[in-house]
Amino acid sequence: MFSKLTSATVRAILVAVVILLPSLLVPGVRDDAPQIMVLIALACAVLTFSEYSTVYPSLVEFRDAPPFNRIRYLSLFMTLFFLSALVRGQTDPSGLTMFMEALGGIVGLALDFPYSPVRLVLLSLPEGTPVEQLASVRTSAGMAYFISLMAITFFYLILKLKNWPSRSGAFNVWINLPTFDPTAGGDVVNRLNRDARVNLALGFLLPFLIPAIGKAATSLFGEAAISEPQTLIWMVSLWAFLPLSLFMRGIAMSRVADMITEMRKRTSEPITARPQAFVT
């Protein structure tokens, strides 16, 4: 019990740190922004602690199937840290921020091709955006998308090479998929495969849909999305993180469906009867 509470406390602190990361690294934020982010961080930390300190699941999926949530956390942490360092380097440059800006510029230019998600992010910016702002957004979007691609590749390699989640012990569908009701009707495997396809489709479409939504929000609320550093950091981070989460969830649910199918085949194999000798 003590180890479970300790693990839940550590996870809650890590979640609070990743939410407060832009406020801690970006200088010159508004006076009310840190208080708002502290409240959000405390709420997410309480939710994480309550989830991992109890036996019964509530919302967090694949909590007992590492490293699913660890990969998602690390990808979000790296994205927020990189984007916050880029913004900080504009007013307080250092060797680390200059290196990140050079690396992100190369990645952003490589991913900025026609019909790419990075190009759509640039097209969603208001007309008359300064060239320096366009280059900064290209660097941020390119690096965030690159981190997401690397996270998906890493998770897929673990799934194939390490036979995830079988290596992590017995897989409990109820604990790892608390929002999925296996008794709701229909075959479980078909429903899992259907949900997996829906998540994969949404994960593919969201990088193209979010810039359009952002452009509409910019026309309604002005240019705060690009003038406020923290708003830009969170918009670009969520633009890359949400499709990553959907892709990983779709791949994981498809893997669970395959495991159930394999288990059914093993349990339904008929016992071969011995041939009987016939006397003529």
C-alpha atoms as a PDB file:
ATOM      1  CA  MET A   1       0.000   0.000   0.000  1.00  0.00           C
ATOM      2  CA  PHE A   2       2.847   2.385   0.856  1.00  0.00           C
ATOM      3  CA  SER A   3       4.578   1.708  -2.478  1.00  0.00           C
ATOM      4  CA  LYS A   4       1.327   2.388  -4.349  1.00  0.00           C
ATOM      5  CA  LEU A   5       0.848   5.722  -2.574  1.00  0.00           C
ATOM      6  CA  THR A   6       4.468   6.670  -3.221  1.00  0.00           C
ATOM      7  CA  SER A   7       4.151   5.829  -6.903  1.00  0.00           C
ATOM      8  CA  ALA A   8       0.908   7.789  -7.167  1.00  0.00           C
ATOM      9  CA  THR A   9       2.514  10.813  -5.464  1.00  0.00           C
ATOM     10  CA  VAL A  10       5.495  10.771  -7.823  1.00  0.00           C
ATOM     11  CA  ARG A  11       3.227  10.529 -10.845  1.00  0.00           C
ATOM     12  CA  ALA A  12       1.087  13.416  -9.593  1.00  0.00           C
ATOM     13  CA  ILE A  13       4.178  15.604  -9.111  1.00  0.00           C
ATOM     14  CA  LEU A  14       5.450  14.768 -12.597  1.00  0.00           C
ATOM     15  CA  VAL A  15       2.091  15.671 -14.133  1.00  0.00           C
ATOM     16  CA  ALA A  16       2.087  19.005 -12.271  1.00  0.00           C
ATOM     17  CA  VAL A  17       5.641  19.726 -13.433  1.00  0.00           C
ATOM     18  CA  VAL A  18       4.857  19.172 -17.109  1.00  0.00           C
ATOM     19  CA  ILE A  19       1.838  21.501 -16.908  1.00  0.00           C
ATOM     20  CA  LEU A  20       3.815  24.230 -15.134  1.00  0.00           C
ATOM     21  CA  LEU A  21       6.845  23.862 -17.418  1.00  0.00           C
ATOM     22  CA  PRO A  22       5.994  26.701 -19.858  1.00  0.00           C
ATOM     23  CA  SER A  23       5.176  29.073 -16.983  1.00  0.00           C
ATOM     24  CA  LEU A  24       8.508  28.274 -15.335  1.00  0.00           C
ATOM     25  CA  LEU A  25      10.666  28.643 -18.441  1.00  0.00           C
ATOM     26  CA  VAL A  26       8.975  31.425 -20.413  1.00  0.00           C
ATOM     27  CA  PRO A  27       9.798  34.889 -19.062  1.00  0.00           C
ATOM     28  CA  GLY A  28       7.459  37.850 -19.041  1.00  0.00           C
ATOM     29  CA  VAL A  29       4.162  36.022 -18.705  1.00  0.00           C
ATOM     30  CA  ARG A  30       1.024  37.809 -17.550  1.00  0.00           C
ATOM     31  CA  ASP A  31       0.375  38.120 -13.827  1.00  0.00           C
ATOM     32  CA  ASP A  32      -2.754  35.954 -13.857  1.00  0.00           C
ATOM     33  CA  ALA A  33      -1.300  33.187 -16.076  1.00  0.00           C
ATOM     34  CA  PRO A  34       0.817  31.476 -13.370  1.00  0.00           C
ATOM     35  CA  GLN A  35      -2.123  31.303 -10.943  1.00  0.00           C
ATOM     36  CA  ILE A  36      -4.361  29.745 -13.580  1.00  0.00           C
ATOM     37  CA  MET A  37      -1.726  27.182 -14.532  1.00  0.00           C
ATOM     38  CA  VAL A  38      -1.129  26.322 -10.863  1.00  0.00           C
ATOM     39  CA  LEU A  39      -4.836  25.584 -10.413  1.00  0.00           C
ATOM     40  CA  ILE A  40      -4.872  23.409 -13.533  1.00  0.00           C
ATOM     41  CA  ALA A  41      -1.717  21.610 -12.407  1.00  0.00           C
ATOM     42  CA  LEU A  42      -3.201  20.930  -8.953  1.00  0.00           C
ATOM     43  CA  ALA A  43      -6.412  19.570 -10.480  1.00  0.00           C
ATOM     44  CA  CYS A  44      -4.503  17.249 -12.823  1.00  0.00           C
ATOM     45  CA  ALA A  45      -2.212  16.152 -10.000  1.00  0.00           C
ATOM     46  CA  VAL A  46      -5.166  15.293  -7.757  1.00  0.00           C
ATOM     47  CA  LEU A  47      -6.794  13.344 -10.587  1.00  0.00           C
ATOM     48  CA  THR A  48      -3.562  11.435 -11.250  1.00  0.00           C
ATOM     49  CA  PHE A  49      -3.054  10.647  -7.571  1.00  0.00           C
ATOM     50  CA  SER A  50      -6.619   9.415  -7.136  1.00  0.00           C
ATOM     51  CA  GLU A  51      -6.307   7.268 -10.259  1.00  0.00           C
ATOM     52  CA  TYR A  52      -3.046   5.525  -9.380  1.00  0.00           C
ATOM     53  CA  SER A  53      -3.600   5.226  -5.617  1.00  0.00           C
ATOM     54  CA  THR A  54      -6.730   3.089  -5.945  1.00  0.00           C
ATOM     55  CA  VAL A  55      -7.278  -0.405  -7.273  1.00  0.00           C
ATOM     56  CA  TYR A  56     -10.369   0.431  -9.286  1.00  0.00           C
ATOM     57  CA  PRO A  57      -9.817   2.380 -12.531  1.00  0.00           C
ATOM     58  CA  SER A  58     -11.716   5.479 -13.599  1.00  0.00           C
ATOM     59  CA  LEU A  59     -10.412   7.342 -16.665  1.00  0.00           C
ATOM     60  CA  VAL A  60      -6.721   6.688 -17.325  1.00  0.00           C
ATOM     61  CA  GLU A  61      -6.262   3.946 -19.904  1.00  0.00           C
ATOM     62  CA  PHE A  62      -3.425   1.388 -20.029  1.00  0.00           C
ATOM     63  CA  ARG A  63      -2.244   2.376 -16.568  1.00  0.00           C
ATOM     64  CA  ASP A  64      -0.949  -1.164 -15.892  1.00  0.00           C
ATOM     65  CA  ALA A  65       0.570  -1.657 -19.354  1.00  0.00           C
ATOM     66  CA  PRO A  66       3.833   0.305 -19.412  1.00  0.00           C
ATOM     67  CA  PRO A  67       5.371   2.057 -21.233  1.00  0.00           C
ATOM     68  CA  PHE A  68       2.194   3.344 -22.965  1.00  0.00           C
ATOM     69  CA  ASN A  69       1.549   6.340 -20.696  1.00  0.00           C
ATOM     70  CA  ARG A  70       5.260   6.916 -20.130  1.00  0.00           C
ATOM     71  CA  ILE A  71       5.839   7.429 -23.845  1.00  0.00           C
ATOM     72  CA  ARG A  72       2.948   9.891 -24.022  1.00  0.00           C
ATOM     73  CA  TYR A  73       4.234  11.780 -20.983  1.00  0.00           C
ATOM     74  CA  LEU A  74       7.798  11.977 -22.283  1.00  0.00           C
ATOM     75  CA  SER A  75       6.654  13.172 -25.702  1.00  0.00           C
ATOM     76  CA  LEU A  76       4.556  15.955 -24.145  1.00  0.00           C
ATOM     77  CA  PHE A  77       7.366  16.895 -21.763  1.00  0.00           C
ATOM     78  CA  MET A  78       9.934  17.064 -24.576  1.00  0.00           C
ATOM     79  CA  THR A  79       7.595  19.106 -26.764  1.00  0.00           C
ATOM     80  CA  LEU A  80       6.768  21.633 -24.044  1.00  0.00           C
ATOM     81  CA  PHE A  81      10.411  21.895 -22.978  1.00  0.00           C
ATOM     82  CA  PHE A  82      11.625  22.423 -26.531  1.00  0.00           C
ATOM     83  CA  LEU A  83       9.005  25.047 -27.383  1.00  0.00           C
ATOM     84  CA  SER A  84       9.493  26.855 -24.063  1.00  0.00           C
ATOM     85  CA  ALA A  85      13.256  26.916 -24.639  1.00  0.00           C
ATOM     86  CA  LEU A  86      12.711  28.378 -28.111  1.00  0.00           C
ATOM     87  CA  VAL A  87      10.544  31.172 -26.741  1.00  0.00           C
ATOM     88  CA  ARG A  88      12.990  31.835 -23.915  1.00  0.00           C
ATOM     89  CA  GLY A  89      15.846  32.012 -26.402  1.00  0.00           C
ATOM     90  CA  GLN A  90      14.203  34.997 -28.103  1.00  0.00           C
ATOM     91  CA  THR A  91      14.753  37.158 -25.005  1.00  0.00           C
ATOM     92  CA  ASP A  92      17.413  35.261 -23.057  1.00  0.00           C
ATOM     93  CA  PRO A  93      19.568  33.343 -25.574  1.00  0.00           C
ATOM     94  CA  SER A  94      22.051  30.724 -24.485  1.00  0.00           C
ATOM     95  CA  GLY A  95      24.042  27.933 -26.060  1.00  0.00           C
ATOM     96  CA  LEU A  96      21.270  25.412 -25.445  1.00  0.00           C
ATOM     97  CA  THR A  97      18.515  27.592 -26.901  1.00  0.00           C
ATOM     98  CA  MET A  98      20.633  28.437 -29.957  1.00  0.00           C
ATOM     99  CA  PHE A  99      21.318  24.751 -30.578  1.00  0.00           C
ATOM    100  CA  MET A 100      17.625  23.905 -30.232  1.00  0.00           C
ATOM    101  CA  GLU A 101      16.669  26.730 -32.575  1.00  0.00           C
ATOM    102  CA  ALA A 102      19.144  25.521 -35.211  1.00  0.00           C
ATOM    103  CA  LEU A 103      17.988  21.898 -34.870  1.00  0.00           C
ATOM    104  CA  GLY A 104      14.326  22.864 -34.942  1.00  0.00           C
ATOM    105  CA  GLY A 105      14.870  25.073 -37.974  1.00  0.00           C
ATOM    106  CA  ILE A 106      16.344  22.169 -39.932  1.00  0.00           C
ATOM    107  CA  VAL A 107      13.508  19.844 -38.933  1.00  0.00           C
ATOM    108  CA  GLY A 108      10.866  22.505 -39.642  1.00  0.00           C
ATOM    109  CA  LEU A 109      12.215  23.179 -43.127  1.00  0.00           C
ATOM    110  CA  ALA A 110      12.382  19.439 -43.850  1.00  0.00           C
ATOM    111  CA  LEU A 111       8.725  18.946 -42.841  1.00  0.00           C
ATOM    112  CA  ASP A 112       7.472  22.123 -44.531  1.00  0.00           C
ATOM    113  CA  PHE A 113       6.413  20.713 -47.891  1.00  0.00           C
ATOM    114  CA  PRO A 114       3.112  21.128 -49.790  1.00  0.00           C
ATOM    115  CA  TYR A 115       0.044  19.628 -48.059  1.00  0.00           C
ATOM    116  CA  SER A 116       2.042  18.716 -44.957  1.00  0.00           C
ATOM    117  CA  PRO A 117       0.599  19.434 -41.483  1.00  0.00           C
ATOM    118  CA  VAL A 118       3.418  21.924 -40.842  1.00  0.00           C
ATOM    119  CA  ARG A 119       2.546  23.821 -44.019  1.00  0.00           C
ATOM    120  CA  LEU A 120      -1.113  23.942 -42.961  1.00  0.00           C
ATOM    121  CA  VAL A 121      -0.110  25.429 -39.604  1.00  0.00           C
ATOM    122  CA  LEU A 122       1.743  28.197 -41.409  1.00  0.00           C
ATOM    123  CA  LEU A 123      -1.198  28.800 -43.741  1.00  0.00           C
ATOM    124  CA  SER A 124      -3.520  29.133 -40.749  1.00  0.00           C
ATOM    125  CA  LEU A 125      -1.606  32.164 -39.448  1.00  0.00           C
ATOM    126  CA  PRO A 126      -3.149  35.595 -40.100  1.00  0.00           C
ATOM    127  CA  GLU A 127      -2.135  37.534 -43.173  1.00  0.00           C
ATOM    128  CA  GLY A 128       0.678  39.963 -42.586  1.00  0.00           C
ATOM    129  CA  THR A 129       2.421  37.818 -39.978  1.00  0.00           C
ATOM    130  CA  PRO A 130       6.083  38.876 -39.749  1.00  0.00           C
ATOM    131  CA  VAL A 131       8.683  36.633 -41.351  1.00  0.00           C
ATOM    132  CA  GLU A 132      10.407  36.105 -38.003  1.00  0.00           C
ATOM    133  CA  GLN A 133       7.121  34.890 -36.487  1.00  0.00           C
ATOM    134  CA  LEU A 134       6.566  32.520 -39.418  1.00  0.00           C
ATOM    135  CA  ALA A 135      10.029  31.055 -38.965  1.00  0.00           C
ATOM    136  CA  SER A 136       9.436  30.618 -35.227  1.00  0.00           C
ATOM    137  CA  VAL A 137       6.098  28.876 -35.782  1.00  0.00           C
ATOM    138  CA  ARG A 138       7.639  26.645 -38.468  1.00  0.00           C
ATOM    139  CA  THR A 139      10.425  25.654 -36.115  1.00  0.00           C
ATOM    140  CA  SER A 140       8.017  24.931 -33.248  1.00  0.00           C
ATOM    141  CA  ALA A 141       5.510  23.001 -35.354  1.00  0.00           C
ATOM    142  CA  GLY A 142       8.175  21.003 -37.159  1.00  0.00           C
ATOM    143  CA  MET A 143       9.929  19.939 -33.976  1.00  0.00           C
ATOM    144  CA  ALA A 144       6.668  19.109 -32.173  1.00  0.00           C
ATOM    145  CA  TYR A 145       5.497  16.971 -35.095  1.00  0.00           C
ATOM    146  CA  PHE A 146       8.899  15.283 -35.319  1.00  0.00           C
ATOM    147  CA  ILE A 147       8.797  14.364 -31.617  1.00  0.00           C
ATOM    148  CA  SER A 148       5.338  12.855 -32.103  1.00  0.00           C
ATOM    149  CA  LEU A 149       6.537  10.802 -35.071  1.00  0.00           C
ATOM    150  CA  MET A 150       9.481   9.497 -33.068  1.00  0.00           C
ATOM    151  CA  ALA A 151       7.178   8.583 -30.158  1.00  0.00           C
ATOM    152  CA  ILE A 152       4.829   6.625 -32.437  1.00  0.00           C
ATOM    153  CA  THR A 153       7.782   4.829 -34.032  1.00  0.00           C
ATOM    154  CA  PHE A 154       9.246   3.956 -30.627  1.00  0.00           C
ATOM    155  CA  PHE A 155       5.919   2.605 -29.367  1.00  0.00           C
ATOM    156  CA  TYR A 156       5.429   0.517 -32.511  1.00  0.00           C
ATOM    157  CA  LEU A 157       8.917  -0.963 -32.162  1.00  0.00           C
ATOM    158  CA  ILE A 158       8.223  -1.882 -28.534  1.00  0.00           C
ATOM    159  CA  LEU A 159       4.941  -3.480 -29.578  1.00  0.00           C
ATOM    160  CA  LYS A 160       6.642  -5.600 -32.240  1.00  0.00           C
ATOM    161  CA  LEU A 161       9.997  -6.367 -30.641  1.00  0.00           C
ATOM    162  CA  LYS A 162       8.917  -6.708 -26.993  1.00  0.00           C
ATOM    163  CA  ASN A 163       5.492  -8.235 -27.736  1.00  0.00           C
ATOM    164  CA  TRP A 164       3.697  -5.502 -25.786  1.00  0.00           C
ATOM    165  CA  PRO A 165       1.757  -5.850 -23.513  1.00  0.00           C
ATOM    166  CA  SER A 166       2.368  -9.582 -22.954  1.00  0.00           C
ATOM    167  CA  ARG A 167       5.825  -9.032 -21.489  1.00  0.00           C
ATOM    168  CA  SER A 168       4.393  -6.752 -18.783  1.00  0.00           C
ATOM    169  CA  GLY A 169       2.315  -9.563 -17.246  1.00  0.00           C
ATOM    170  CA  ALA A 170      -1.347 -10.512 -17.420  1.00  0.00           C
ATOM    171  CA  PHE A 171      -3.390  -7.933 -19.312  1.00  0.00           C
ATOM    172  CA  ASN A 172      -6.605  -6.909 -17.572  1.00  0.00           C
ATOM    173  CA  VAL A 173      -9.011  -5.307 -20.047  1.00  0.00           C
ATOM    174  CA  TRP A 174     -11.161  -3.768 -17.301  1.00  0.00           C
ATOM    175  CA  ILE A 175      -8.243  -1.983 -15.595  1.00  0.00           C
ATOM    176  CA  ASN A 176      -6.455  -0.884 -18.771  1.00  0.00           C
ATOM    177  CA  LEU A 177      -9.598   0.076 -20.714  1.00  0.00           C
ATOM    178  CA  PRO A 178     -11.981   1.419 -18.033  1.00  0.00           C
ATOM    179  CA  THR A 179     -14.076   3.376 -20.531  1.00  0.00           C
ATOM    180  CA  PHE A 180     -14.604   0.316 -22.742  1.00  0.00           C
ATOM    181  CA  ASP A 181     -17.601  -1.809 -21.752  1.00  0.00           C
ATOM    182  CA  PRO A 182     -17.161  -5.374 -23.090  1.00  0.00           C
ATOM    183  CA  THR A 183     -20.796  -6.215 -22.229  1.00  0.00           C
ATOM    184  CA  ALA A 184     -22.343  -3.329 -24.175  1.00  0.00           C
ATOM    185  CA  GLY A 185     -23.296  -5.595 -27.071  1.00  0.00           C
ATOM    186  CA  GLY A 186     -21.673  -7.115 -30.095  1.00  0.00           C
ATOM    187  CA  ASP A 187     -18.458  -9.047 -30.414  1.00  0.00           C
ATOM    188  CA  VAL A 188     -15.615  -7.603 -28.339  1.00  0.00           C
ATOM    189  CA  VAL A 189     -13.002  -8.124 -31.051  1.00  0.00           C
ATOM    190  CA  ASN A 190     -15.102  -6.372 -33.699  1.00  0.00           C
ATOM    191  CA  ARG A 191     -15.769  -3.428 -31.394  1.00  0.00           C
ATOM    192  CA  LEU A 192     -12.092  -3.121 -30.482  1.00  0.00           C
ATOM    193  CA  ASN A 193     -11.064  -3.187 -34.136  1.00  0.00           C
ATOM    194  CA  ARG A 194     -13.752  -0.630 -34.984  1.00  0.00           C
ATOM    195  CA  ASP A 195     -12.625   1.711 -32.199  1.00  0.00           C
ATOM    196  CA  ALA A 196      -9.019   1.219 -33.281  1.00  0.00           C
ATOM    197  CA  ARG A 197      -9.830   2.250 -36.857  1.00  0.00           C
ATOM    198  CA  VAL A 198     -11.759   5.297 -35.619  1.00  0.00           C
ATOM    199  CA  ASN A 199      -8.833   6.401 -33.439  1.00  0.00           C
ATOM    200  CA  LEU A 200      -6.324   5.891 -36.244  1.00  0.00           C
ATOM    201  CA  ALA A 201      -8.492   7.879 -38.658  1.00  0.00           C
ATOM    202  CA  LEU A 202      -8.899  10.730 -36.172  1.00  0.00           C
ATOM    203  CA  GLY A 203      -5.188  10.675 -35.401  1.00  0.00           C
ATOM    204  CA  PHE A 204      -4.451  11.059 -39.098  1.00  0.00           C
ATOM    205  CA  LEU A 205      -7.009  13.837 -39.664  1.00  0.00           C
ATOM    206  CA  LEU A 206      -6.453  15.971 -36.554  1.00  0.00           C
ATOM    207  CA  PRO A 207      -3.126  17.531 -37.703  1.00  0.00           C
ATOM    208  CA  PHE A 208      -5.053  18.842 -40.716  1.00  0.00           C
ATOM    209  CA  LEU A 209      -8.227  19.842 -38.858  1.00  0.00           C
ATOM    210  CA  ILE A 210      -6.686  21.640 -35.867  1.00  0.00           C
ATOM    211  CA  PRO A 211      -5.033  24.386 -37.998  1.00  0.00           C
ATOM    212  CA  ALA A 212      -8.413  25.140 -39.571  1.00  0.00           C
ATOM    213  CA  ILE A 213      -9.988  25.362 -36.117  1.00  0.00           C
ATOM    214  CA  GLY A 214      -7.113  27.586 -34.987  1.00  0.00           C
ATOM    215  CA  LYS A 215      -7.607  29.886 -37.969  1.00  0.00           C
ATOM    216  CA  ALA A 216     -11.297  30.222 -37.119  1.00  0.00           C
ATOM    217  CA  ALA A 217     -10.430  30.945 -33.485  1.00  0.00           C
ATOM    218  CA  THR A 218      -7.917  33.581 -34.584  1.00  0.00           C
ATOM    219  CA  SER A 219     -10.571  35.332 -36.659  1.00  0.00           C
ATOM    220  CA  LEU A 220     -12.909  35.328 -33.653  1.00  0.00           C
ATOM    221  CA  PHE A 221     -10.542  36.191 -30.810  1.00  0.00           C
ATOM    222  CA  GLY A 222      -7.848  38.155 -32.607  1.00  0.00           C
ATOM    223  CA  GLU A 223      -4.149  37.365 -32.794  1.00  0.00           C
ATOM    224  CA  ALA A 224      -3.704  36.301 -29.161  1.00  0.00           C
ATOM    225  CA  ALA A 225      -2.826  32.785 -30.326  1.00  0.00           C
ATOM    226  CA  ILE A 226       0.460  33.990 -31.809  1.00  0.00           C
ATOM    227  CA  SER A 227       1.087  37.077 -29.676  1.00  0.00           C
ATOM    228  CA  GLU A 228       0.887  35.243 -26.342  1.00  0.00           C
ATOM    229  CA  PRO A 229       3.874  32.858 -25.988  1.00  0.00           C
ATOM    230  CA  GLN A 230       2.183  30.383 -23.636  1.00  0.00           C
ATOM    231  CA  THR A 231      -0.911  30.187 -25.834  1.00  0.00           C
ATOM    232  CA  LEU A 232       1.238  29.427 -28.869  1.00  0.00           C
ATOM    233  CA  ILE A 233       3.232  26.811 -26.943  1.00  0.00           C
ATOM    234  CA  TRP A 234       0.141  24.963 -25.748  1.00  0.00           C
ATOM    235  CA  MET A 235      -1.637  25.142 -29.116  1.00  0.00           C
ATOM    236  CA  VAL A 236       1.331  23.688 -31.005  1.00  0.00           C
ATOM    237  CA  SER A 237       1.947  21.077 -28.299  1.00  0.00           C
ATOM    238  CA  LEU A 238      -1.667  19.889 -28.292  1.00  0.00           C
ATOM    239  CA  TRP A 239      -1.711  19.968 -32.095  1.00  0.00           C
ATOM    240  CA  ALA A 240       1.051  17.353 -32.048  1.00  0.00           C
ATOM    241  CA  PHE A 241       0.115  15.485 -28.849  1.00  0.00           C
ATOM    242  CA  LEU A 242      -3.569  14.754 -29.474  1.00  0.00           C
ATOM    243  CA  PRO A 243      -2.988  12.896 -32.787  1.00  0.00           C
ATOM    244  CA  LEU A 244      -0.140  10.995 -31.108  1.00  0.00           C
ATOM    245  CA  SER A 245      -2.450   9.861 -28.297  1.00  0.00           C
ATOM    246  CA  LEU A 246      -5.138   8.760 -30.753  1.00  0.00           C
ATOM    247  CA  PHE A 247      -2.643   6.885 -32.910  1.00  0.00           C
ATOM    248  CA  MET A 248      -1.182   5.081 -29.898  1.00  0.00           C
ATOM    249  CA  ARG A 249      -4.646   4.249 -28.564  1.00  0.00           C
ATOM    250  CA  GLY A 250      -5.706   2.866 -31.930  1.00  0.00           C
ATOM    251  CA  ILE A 251      -2.579   0.730 -32.239  1.00  0.00           C
ATOM    252  CA  ALA A 252      -2.968  -0.523 -28.661  1.00  0.00           C
ATOM    253  CA  MET A 253      -6.640  -1.436 -29.080  1.00  0.00           C
ATOM    254  CA  SER A 254      -5.864  -3.284 -32.300  1.00  0.00           C
ATOM    255  CA  ARG A 255      -3.166  -5.199 -30.413  1.00  0.00           C
ATOM    256  CA  VAL A 256      -5.630  -6.105 -27.634  1.00  0.00           C
ATOM    257  CA  ALA A 257      -8.087  -7.364 -30.261  1.00  0.00           C
ATOM    258  CA  ASP A 258      -5.364  -9.549 -31.774  1.00  0.00           C
ATOM    259  CA  MET A 259      -4.523 -10.953 -28.333  1.00  0.00           C
ATOM    260  CA  ILE A 260      -8.168 -11.879 -27.688  1.00  0.00           C
ATOM    261  CA  THR A 261      -8.388 -13.523 -31.118  1.00  0.00           C
ATOM    262  CA  GLU A 262      -5.243 -15.566 -30.449  1.00  0.00           C
ATOM    263  CA  MET A 263      -6.579 -16.637 -27.051  1.00  0.00           C
ATOM    264  CA  ARG A 264      -9.853 -17.750 -28.625  1.00  0.00           C
ATOM    265  CA  LYS A 265      -8.002 -19.819 -31.200  1.00  0.00           C
ATOM    266  CA  ARG A 266      -5.941 -21.559 -28.545  1.00  0.00           C
ATOM    267  CA  THR A 267      -8.944 -22.364 -26.355  1.00  0.00           C
ATOM    268  CA  SER A 268     -11.132 -23.543 -29.242  1.00  0.00           C
ATOM    269  CA  GLU A 269      -8.643 -25.918 -30.880  1.00  0.00           C
ATOM    270  CA  PRO A 270     -10.328 -29.338 -31.152  1.00  0.00           C
ATOM    271  CA  ILE A 271      -8.664 -32.318 -29.552  1.00  0.00           C
ATOM    272  CA  THR A 272      -7.494 -34.688 -32.277  1.00  0.00           C
ATOM    273  CA  ALA A 273      -9.030 -38.099 -31.726  1.00  0.00           C
ATOM    274  CA  ARG A 274      -6.903 -41.179 -32.053  1.00  0.00           C
ATOM    275  CA  PRO A 275      -7.621 -43.292 -35.163  1.00  0.00           C
ATOM    276  CA  GLN A 276      -9.455 -46.500 -34.395  1.00  0.00           C
ATOM    277  CA  ALA A 277      -8.598 -49.848 -35.929  1.00  0.00           C
ATOM    278  CA  PHE A 278     -11.367 -51.498 -37.860  1.00  0.00           C
ATOM    279  CA  VAL A 279     -11.584 -55.291 -37.896  1.00  0.00           C
ATOM    280  CA  THR A 280     -12.712 -56.810 -41.147  1.00  0.00           C
END
